[in-house]
Amino acid sequence: LERFGEVDEALKFDVVYDAATASGGGEDYKSKSLKLLCSQTLDRPHGQYVAINGAPSFWVRKFTCGQKKNEHLVVTNQKTAEFDKLSELVAEGKIKPVIAQQFSLSEENVQKGFDLQKSRRVVGKIVFDMTL
């Protein structure tokens, strides 16, 4: 938000998946993410914030007073069937992943990808395509 200022309501998101907050570098993107969620209207439900594995405060809320209405904690347990379902949803066009940058798979490009990830400025996924 600091880079973009206020965001027009029409450009706000239905869902923000946060896999970076509390990932070990002291980052906290929750407050910024909440500002990017769409507001509830007659045509559109309120945007949802989903913490992937989540910060300790999310765990405390989950097991005490519960999460807020539009905030969710998802604990990952990688199962092939779940990835297959996500792939199916992407193929059907029901969800569209945000891709920050795509690289061919090489030692040099892997280093570029890691440098990009470490910059903490990436919006979307960094993809290494083995077919390029």
N, C-alpha and C. Protein backbone atom coordinates (compact mmCIF):
# COMPACT_ATOMS: atom_id res chain seq x y z
N LEU A 1 0.81 -1.20 0.00
CA LEU A 1 0.00 0.00 0.00
C LEU A 1 0.84 1.25 0.00
N GLU A 2 2.01 1.20 0.65
CA GLU A 2 2.84 2.40 0.65
C GLU A 2 3.25 2.78 -0.77
N ARG A 3 3.47 1.76 -1.60
CA ARG A 3 3.91 2.03 -2.97
C ARG A 3 2.77 2.55 -3.83
N PHE A 4 1.55 2.11 -3.57
CA PHE A 4 0.45 2.39 -4.46
C PHE A 4 -0.55 3.40 -3.91
N GLY A 5 -0.44 3.80 -2.65
CA GLY A 5 -1.42 4.70 -2.07
C GLY A 5 -2.74 3.99 -1.87
N GLU A 6 -3.82 4.72 -1.92
CA GLU A 6 -5.14 4.12 -1.77
C GLU A 6 -5.49 3.29 -2.99
N VAL A 7 -6.18 2.19 -2.76
CA VAL A 7 -6.55 1.29 -3.85
C VAL A 7 -8.04 1.44 -4.11
N ASP A 8 -8.41 1.63 -5.37
CA ASP A 8 -9.80 1.74 -5.77
C ASP A 8 -10.55 0.47 -5.40
N GLU A 9 -11.75 0.59 -4.89
CA GLU A 9 -12.55 -0.56 -4.44
C GLU A 9 -12.70 -1.61 -5.54
N ALA A 10 -12.85 -1.19 -6.79
CA ALA A 10 -13.04 -2.13 -7.90
C ALA A 10 -11.81 -3.00 -8.13
N LEU A 11 -10.65 -2.54 -7.66
CA LEU A 11 -9.40 -3.28 -7.85
C LEU A 11 -9.04 -4.15 -6.66
N LYS A 12 -9.83 -4.08 -5.61
CA LYS A 12 -9.52 -4.86 -4.41
C LYS A 12 -9.83 -6.34 -4.61
N PHE A 13 -9.25 -7.18 -3.76
CA PHE A 13 -9.30 -8.63 -3.92
C PHE A 13 -10.43 -9.28 -3.14
N ASP A 14 -10.91 -10.39 -3.69
CA ASP A 14 -11.89 -11.23 -2.99
C ASP A 14 -11.21 -12.04 -1.90
N VAL A 15 -9.98 -12.48 -2.18
CA VAL A 15 -9.23 -13.30 -1.23
C VAL A 15 -7.76 -12.91 -1.28
N VAL A 16 -7.13 -12.81 -0.11
CA VAL A 16 -5.68 -12.66 -0.01
C VAL A 16 -5.15 -13.84 0.79
N TYR A 17 -4.25 -14.61 0.17
CA TYR A 17 -3.58 -15.71 0.85
C TYR A 17 -2.22 -15.21 1.31
N ASP A 18 -1.99 -15.23 2.61
CA ASP A 18 -0.76 -14.72 3.20
C ASP A 18 0.11 -15.88 3.69
N ALA A 19 1.14 -16.18 2.92
CA ALA A 19 2.07 -17.24 3.31
C ALA A 19 3.39 -16.65 3.81
N ALA A 20 3.47 -15.33 3.91
CA ALA A 20 4.73 -14.69 4.28
C ALA A 20 4.76 -14.20 5.72
N THR A 21 3.64 -13.73 6.26
CA THR A 21 3.64 -13.23 7.63
C THR A 21 4.07 -14.35 8.57
N ALA A 22 4.99 -14.04 9.45
CA ALA A 22 5.51 -14.98 10.46
C ALA A 22 6.27 -16.15 9.83
N SER A 23 6.89 -15.90 8.67
CA SER A 23 7.67 -16.97 8.04
C SER A 23 9.11 -17.00 8.51
N GLY A 24 9.45 -16.16 9.47
CA GLY A 24 10.78 -16.21 10.06
C GLY A 24 11.60 -14.95 9.91
N GLY A 25 11.18 -14.04 9.06
CA GLY A 25 11.94 -12.81 8.84
C GLY A 25 11.36 -11.61 9.57
N GLY A 26 10.39 -11.85 10.45
CA GLY A 26 9.79 -10.76 11.21
C GLY A 26 8.76 -9.96 10.44
N GLU A 27 8.36 -10.43 9.28
CA GLU A 27 7.41 -9.68 8.47
C GLU A 27 5.99 -9.82 8.98
N ASP A 28 5.19 -8.77 8.72
CA ASP A 28 3.78 -8.79 9.11
C ASP A 28 3.00 -8.06 8.03
N TYR A 29 2.42 -8.84 7.12
CA TYR A 29 1.68 -8.27 6.01
C TYR A 29 0.18 -8.26 6.25
N LYS A 30 -0.26 -8.73 7.39
CA LYS A 30 -1.70 -8.87 7.64
C LYS A 30 -2.42 -7.53 7.52
N SER A 31 -1.94 -6.51 8.20
CA SER A 31 -2.65 -5.22 8.17
C SER A 31 -2.71 -4.64 6.76
N LYS A 32 -1.64 -4.81 5.99
CA LYS A 32 -1.64 -4.34 4.60
C LYS A 32 -2.61 -5.16 3.76
N SER A 33 -2.63 -6.47 4.01
CA SER A 33 -3.51 -7.36 3.24
C SER A 33 -4.97 -7.03 3.50
N LEU A 34 -5.32 -6.76 4.75
CA LEU A 34 -6.71 -6.46 5.08
C LEU A 34 -7.21 -5.22 4.34
N LYS A 35 -6.32 -4.26 4.11
CA LYS A 35 -6.70 -3.04 3.39
C LYS A 35 -6.94 -3.29 1.90
N LEU A 36 -6.45 -4.43 1.41
CA LEU A 36 -6.61 -4.76 -0.01
C LEU A 36 -7.84 -5.62 -0.29
N LEU A 37 -8.59 -5.96 0.76
CA LEU A 37 -9.80 -6.78 0.59
C LEU A 37 -10.99 -5.91 0.21
N CYS A 38 -11.82 -6.44 -0.68
CA CYS A 38 -13.01 -5.70 -1.09
C CYS A 38 -14.01 -5.61 0.07
N SER A 39 -14.79 -4.56 0.05
CA SER A 39 -15.85 -4.37 1.04
C SER A 39 -17.10 -5.10 0.58
N GLN A 40 -17.94 -5.45 1.51
CA GLN A 40 -19.19 -6.13 1.17
C GLN A 40 -20.15 -5.15 0.51
N THR A 41 -20.76 -5.60 -0.59
CA THR A 41 -21.79 -4.83 -1.28
C THR A 41 -22.95 -5.78 -1.57
N LEU A 42 -23.96 -5.30 -2.22
CA LEU A 42 -25.08 -6.17 -2.59
C LEU A 42 -24.65 -7.26 -3.57
N ASP A 43 -23.65 -6.95 -4.43
CA ASP A 43 -23.20 -7.90 -5.46
C ASP A 43 -21.98 -8.72 -5.05
N ARG A 44 -21.32 -8.32 -3.99
CA ARG A 44 -20.02 -8.92 -3.69
C ARG A 44 -19.86 -9.12 -2.19
N PRO A 45 -19.49 -10.34 -1.78
CA PRO A 45 -19.25 -10.55 -0.35
C PRO A 45 -17.94 -9.88 0.08
N HIS A 46 -17.79 -9.70 1.37
CA HIS A 46 -16.57 -9.10 1.91
C HIS A 46 -15.38 -9.98 1.58
N GLY A 47 -14.26 -9.36 1.26
CA GLY A 47 -13.04 -10.11 0.96
C GLY A 47 -12.58 -10.93 2.16
N GLN A 48 -11.85 -12.01 1.88
CA GLN A 48 -11.40 -12.93 2.91
C GLN A 48 -9.88 -12.95 3.00
N TYR A 49 -9.37 -12.91 4.22
CA TYR A 49 -7.94 -13.00 4.48
C TYR A 49 -7.65 -14.41 4.97
N VAL A 50 -6.71 -15.09 4.32
CA VAL A 50 -6.36 -16.46 4.68
C VAL A 50 -4.88 -16.52 5.02
N ALA A 51 -4.59 -16.83 6.28
CA ALA A 51 -3.22 -16.99 6.74
C ALA A 51 -2.81 -18.44 6.54
N ILE A 52 -1.75 -18.67 5.77
CA ILE A 52 -1.25 -20.01 5.55
C ILE A 52 -0.26 -20.32 6.68
N ASN A 53 -0.60 -21.24 7.53
CA ASN A 53 0.13 -21.63 8.74
C ASN A 53 0.11 -20.55 9.81
N GLY A 54 0.09 -19.30 9.46
CA GLY A 54 -0.22 -18.21 10.37
C GLY A 54 0.75 -17.89 11.48
N ALA A 55 0.60 -16.68 11.97
CA ALA A 55 1.40 -16.17 13.09
C ALA A 55 0.87 -16.77 14.40
N PRO A 56 1.69 -16.75 15.45
CA PRO A 56 1.23 -17.29 16.74
C PRO A 56 -0.09 -16.70 17.23
N SER A 57 -0.30 -15.41 16.98
CA SER A 57 -1.55 -14.78 17.43
C SER A 57 -2.77 -15.41 16.75
N PHE A 58 -2.62 -15.83 15.52
CA PHE A 58 -3.72 -16.50 14.82
C PHE A 58 -4.04 -17.84 15.46
N TRP A 59 -3.00 -18.56 15.86
CA TRP A 59 -3.21 -19.85 16.52
C TRP A 59 -3.93 -19.67 17.85
N VAL A 60 -3.55 -18.65 18.60
CA VAL A 60 -4.19 -18.39 19.89
C VAL A 60 -5.67 -18.10 19.67
N ARG A 61 -5.97 -17.23 18.70
CA ARG A 61 -7.38 -16.92 18.41
C ARG A 61 -8.15 -18.15 17.98
N LYS A 62 -7.52 -19.00 17.16
CA LYS A 62 -8.21 -20.19 16.64
C LYS A 62 -8.68 -21.08 17.79
N PHE A 63 -7.86 -21.22 18.81
CA PHE A 63 -8.18 -22.15 19.89
C PHE A 63 -8.77 -21.48 21.13
N THR A 64 -9.03 -20.18 21.05
CA THR A 64 -9.66 -19.50 22.19
C THR A 64 -10.98 -18.87 21.74
N CYS A 65 -10.93 -17.64 21.30
CA CYS A 65 -12.17 -16.92 20.96
C CYS A 65 -12.59 -17.09 19.50
N GLY A 66 -11.74 -17.68 18.67
CA GLY A 66 -12.09 -17.89 17.27
C GLY A 66 -11.63 -16.77 16.36
N GLN A 67 -11.64 -17.04 15.08
CA GLN A 67 -11.20 -16.05 14.09
C GLN A 67 -12.30 -15.04 13.81
N LYS A 68 -11.89 -13.89 13.32
CA LYS A 68 -12.87 -12.89 12.87
C LYS A 68 -13.59 -13.42 11.64
N LYS A 69 -14.73 -12.84 11.36
CA LYS A 69 -15.62 -13.33 10.31
C LYS A 69 -14.93 -13.52 8.96
N ASN A 70 -14.08 -12.60 8.57
CA ASN A 70 -13.46 -12.69 7.25
C ASN A 70 -11.97 -13.07 7.32
N GLU A 71 -11.54 -13.66 8.43
CA GLU A 71 -10.16 -14.08 8.59
C GLU A 71 -10.11 -15.57 8.87
N HIS A 72 -9.16 -16.25 8.21
CA HIS A 72 -9.10 -17.71 8.31
C HIS A 72 -7.66 -18.16 8.48
N LEU A 73 -7.49 -19.26 9.19
CA LEU A 73 -6.18 -19.90 9.36
C LEU A 73 -6.24 -21.23 8.64
N VAL A 74 -5.29 -21.45 7.74
CA VAL A 74 -5.19 -22.72 7.03
C VAL A 74 -3.84 -23.33 7.39
N VAL A 75 -3.89 -24.54 7.87
CA VAL A 75 -2.67 -25.26 8.20
C VAL A 75 -2.41 -26.22 7.05
N THR A 76 -1.25 -26.09 6.45
CA THR A 76 -0.97 -26.91 5.28
C THR A 76 -0.53 -28.31 5.68
N ASN A 77 -1.03 -29.24 4.96
CA ASN A 77 -0.66 -30.64 5.07
C ASN A 77 -0.66 -31.15 3.64
N GLN A 78 0.48 -31.04 3.00
CA GLN A 78 0.55 -31.28 1.57
C GLN A 78 0.10 -32.70 1.22
N LYS A 79 -0.99 -32.76 0.49
CA LYS A 79 -1.52 -34.03 -0.01
C LYS A 79 -1.70 -33.89 -1.51
N THR A 80 -1.35 -34.92 -2.21
CA THR A 80 -1.43 -34.90 -3.67
C THR A 80 -2.82 -34.53 -4.16
N ALA A 81 -3.84 -35.06 -3.53
CA ALA A 81 -5.21 -34.80 -3.97
C ALA A 81 -5.54 -33.30 -3.90
N GLU A 82 -5.02 -32.61 -2.90
CA GLU A 82 -5.28 -31.18 -2.78
C GLU A 82 -4.61 -30.40 -3.91
N PHE A 83 -3.37 -30.77 -4.23
CA PHE A 83 -2.69 -30.10 -5.34
C PHE A 83 -3.36 -30.44 -6.66
N ASP A 84 -3.85 -31.66 -6.81
CA ASP A 84 -4.59 -32.04 -8.01
C ASP A 84 -5.84 -31.19 -8.16
N LYS A 85 -6.56 -30.94 -7.06
CA LYS A 85 -7.77 -30.12 -7.10
C LYS A 85 -7.43 -28.68 -7.48
N LEU A 86 -6.36 -28.14 -6.89
CA LEU A 86 -5.93 -26.78 -7.25
C LEU A 86 -5.58 -26.70 -8.73
N SER A 87 -4.86 -27.71 -9.24
CA SER A 87 -4.51 -27.74 -10.66
C SER A 87 -5.75 -27.77 -11.53
N GLU A 88 -6.74 -28.53 -11.11
CA GLU A 88 -8.01 -28.62 -11.83
C GLU A 88 -8.71 -27.26 -11.87
N LEU A 89 -8.74 -26.57 -10.73
CA LEU A 89 -9.38 -25.25 -10.67
C LEU A 89 -8.67 -24.24 -11.56
N VAL A 90 -7.33 -24.32 -11.62
CA VAL A 90 -6.56 -23.43 -12.49
C VAL A 90 -6.88 -23.75 -13.95
N ALA A 91 -6.88 -25.04 -14.31
CA ALA A 91 -7.15 -25.46 -15.68
C ALA A 91 -8.55 -25.03 -16.13
N GLU A 92 -9.51 -25.05 -15.21
CA GLU A 92 -10.88 -24.64 -15.53
C GLU A 92 -11.06 -23.13 -15.53
N GLY A 93 -10.02 -22.40 -15.14
CA GLY A 93 -10.10 -20.94 -15.11
C GLY A 93 -10.87 -20.40 -13.91
N LYS A 94 -11.13 -21.25 -12.92
CA LYS A 94 -11.87 -20.81 -11.73
C LYS A 94 -10.99 -20.04 -10.77
N ILE A 95 -9.70 -20.31 -10.80
CA ILE A 95 -8.74 -19.50 -10.05
C ILE A 95 -7.57 -19.20 -10.98
N LYS A 96 -6.96 -18.05 -10.78
CA LYS A 96 -5.84 -17.65 -11.62
C LYS A 96 -4.68 -17.23 -10.72
N PRO A 97 -3.64 -18.05 -10.69
CA PRO A 97 -2.50 -17.68 -9.85
C PRO A 97 -1.79 -16.44 -10.40
N VAL A 98 -1.26 -15.64 -9.50
CA VAL A 98 -0.50 -14.46 -9.90
C VAL A 98 0.96 -14.89 -10.03
N ILE A 99 1.51 -14.70 -11.21
CA ILE A 99 2.90 -15.08 -11.46
C ILE A 99 3.73 -13.81 -11.57
N ALA A 100 4.69 -13.67 -10.67
CA ALA A 100 5.55 -12.49 -10.68
C ALA A 100 6.55 -12.56 -11.82
N GLN A 101 7.20 -13.71 -11.95
CA GLN A 101 8.18 -13.88 -13.00
C GLN A 101 8.36 -15.36 -13.29
N GLN A 102 8.64 -15.65 -14.56
CA GLN A 102 8.85 -17.03 -14.98
C GLN A 102 10.26 -17.15 -15.55
N PHE A 103 10.98 -18.19 -15.12
CA PHE A 103 12.33 -18.43 -15.57
C PHE A 103 12.44 -19.83 -16.16
N SER A 104 13.39 -20.01 -17.09
CA SER A 104 13.75 -21.37 -17.47
C SER A 104 14.61 -21.91 -16.32
N LEU A 105 14.67 -23.22 -16.19
CA LEU A 105 15.39 -23.82 -15.08
C LEU A 105 16.88 -23.91 -15.41
N SER A 106 17.66 -23.08 -14.74
CA SER A 106 19.12 -23.10 -14.87
C SER A 106 19.69 -22.61 -13.54
N GLU A 107 20.95 -22.90 -13.31
CA GLU A 107 21.59 -22.47 -12.07
C GLU A 107 21.54 -20.95 -11.92
N GLU A 108 21.83 -20.24 -13.01
CA GLU A 108 21.80 -18.78 -12.98
C GLU A 108 20.40 -18.26 -12.66
N ASN A 109 19.37 -18.83 -13.29
CA ASN A 109 18.00 -18.37 -13.06
C ASN A 109 17.49 -18.74 -11.67
N VAL A 110 17.91 -19.88 -11.14
CA VAL A 110 17.53 -20.24 -9.78
C VAL A 110 18.09 -19.19 -8.81
N GLN A 111 19.33 -18.76 -9.04
CA GLN A 111 19.91 -17.71 -8.19
C GLN A 111 19.12 -16.41 -8.33
N LYS A 112 18.73 -16.06 -9.56
CA LYS A 112 17.92 -14.85 -9.78
C LYS A 112 16.59 -14.96 -9.04
N GLY A 113 15.98 -16.13 -9.10
CA GLY A 113 14.71 -16.35 -8.41
C GLY A 113 14.84 -16.21 -6.91
N PHE A 114 15.89 -16.80 -6.34
CA PHE A 114 16.11 -16.67 -4.90
C PHE A 114 16.39 -15.23 -4.51
N ASP A 115 17.16 -14.53 -5.31
CA ASP A 115 17.44 -13.11 -5.02
C ASP A 115 16.14 -12.30 -5.05
N LEU A 116 15.29 -12.59 -6.02
CA LEU A 116 14.01 -11.91 -6.12
C LEU A 116 13.15 -12.20 -4.89
N GLN A 117 13.10 -13.47 -4.48
CA GLN A 117 12.32 -13.85 -3.29
C GLN A 117 12.86 -13.18 -2.04
N LYS A 118 14.18 -13.14 -1.89
CA LYS A 118 14.79 -12.54 -0.71
C LYS A 118 14.56 -11.03 -0.65
N SER A 119 14.25 -10.41 -1.79
CA SER A 119 14.01 -8.96 -1.80
C SER A 119 12.74 -8.59 -1.04
N ARG A 120 11.86 -9.58 -0.82
CA ARG A 120 10.58 -9.37 -0.13
C ARG A 120 9.71 -8.34 -0.83
N ARG A 121 9.89 -8.20 -2.13
CA ARG A 121 9.10 -7.25 -2.92
C ARG A 121 8.30 -7.95 -4.01
N VAL A 122 8.27 -9.27 -3.98
CA VAL A 122 7.61 -10.05 -5.02
C VAL A 122 6.11 -10.07 -4.78
N VAL A 123 5.36 -9.81 -5.83
CA VAL A 123 3.90 -9.99 -5.78
C VAL A 123 3.60 -11.14 -6.73
N GLY A 124 3.23 -12.27 -6.19
CA GLY A 124 2.95 -13.45 -7.00
C GLY A 124 4.03 -14.50 -6.82
N LYS A 125 3.90 -15.53 -7.61
CA LYS A 125 4.81 -16.67 -7.53
C LYS A 125 5.97 -16.52 -8.50
N ILE A 126 7.10 -17.07 -8.11
CA ILE A 126 8.26 -17.16 -8.99
C ILE A 126 8.24 -18.58 -9.53
N VAL A 127 8.20 -18.69 -10.85
CA VAL A 127 8.00 -19.99 -11.50
C VAL A 127 9.26 -20.38 -12.27
N PHE A 128 9.66 -21.64 -12.10
CA PHE A 128 10.75 -22.21 -12.88
C PHE A 128 10.15 -23.25 -13.81
N ASP A 129 10.22 -22.97 -15.10
CA ASP A 129 9.61 -23.85 -16.10
C ASP A 129 10.68 -24.76 -16.68
N MET A 130 10.55 -26.05 -16.45
CA MET A 130 11.54 -27.00 -16.92
C MET A 130 11.43 -27.27 -18.41
N THR A 131 10.38 -26.77 -19.07
CA THR A 131 10.21 -27.02 -20.50
C THR A 131 10.83 -25.91 -21.35
N LEU A 132 11.24 -24.81 -20.74
CA LEU A 132 11.84 -23.70 -21.50
C LEU A 132 13.30 -23.96 -21.77
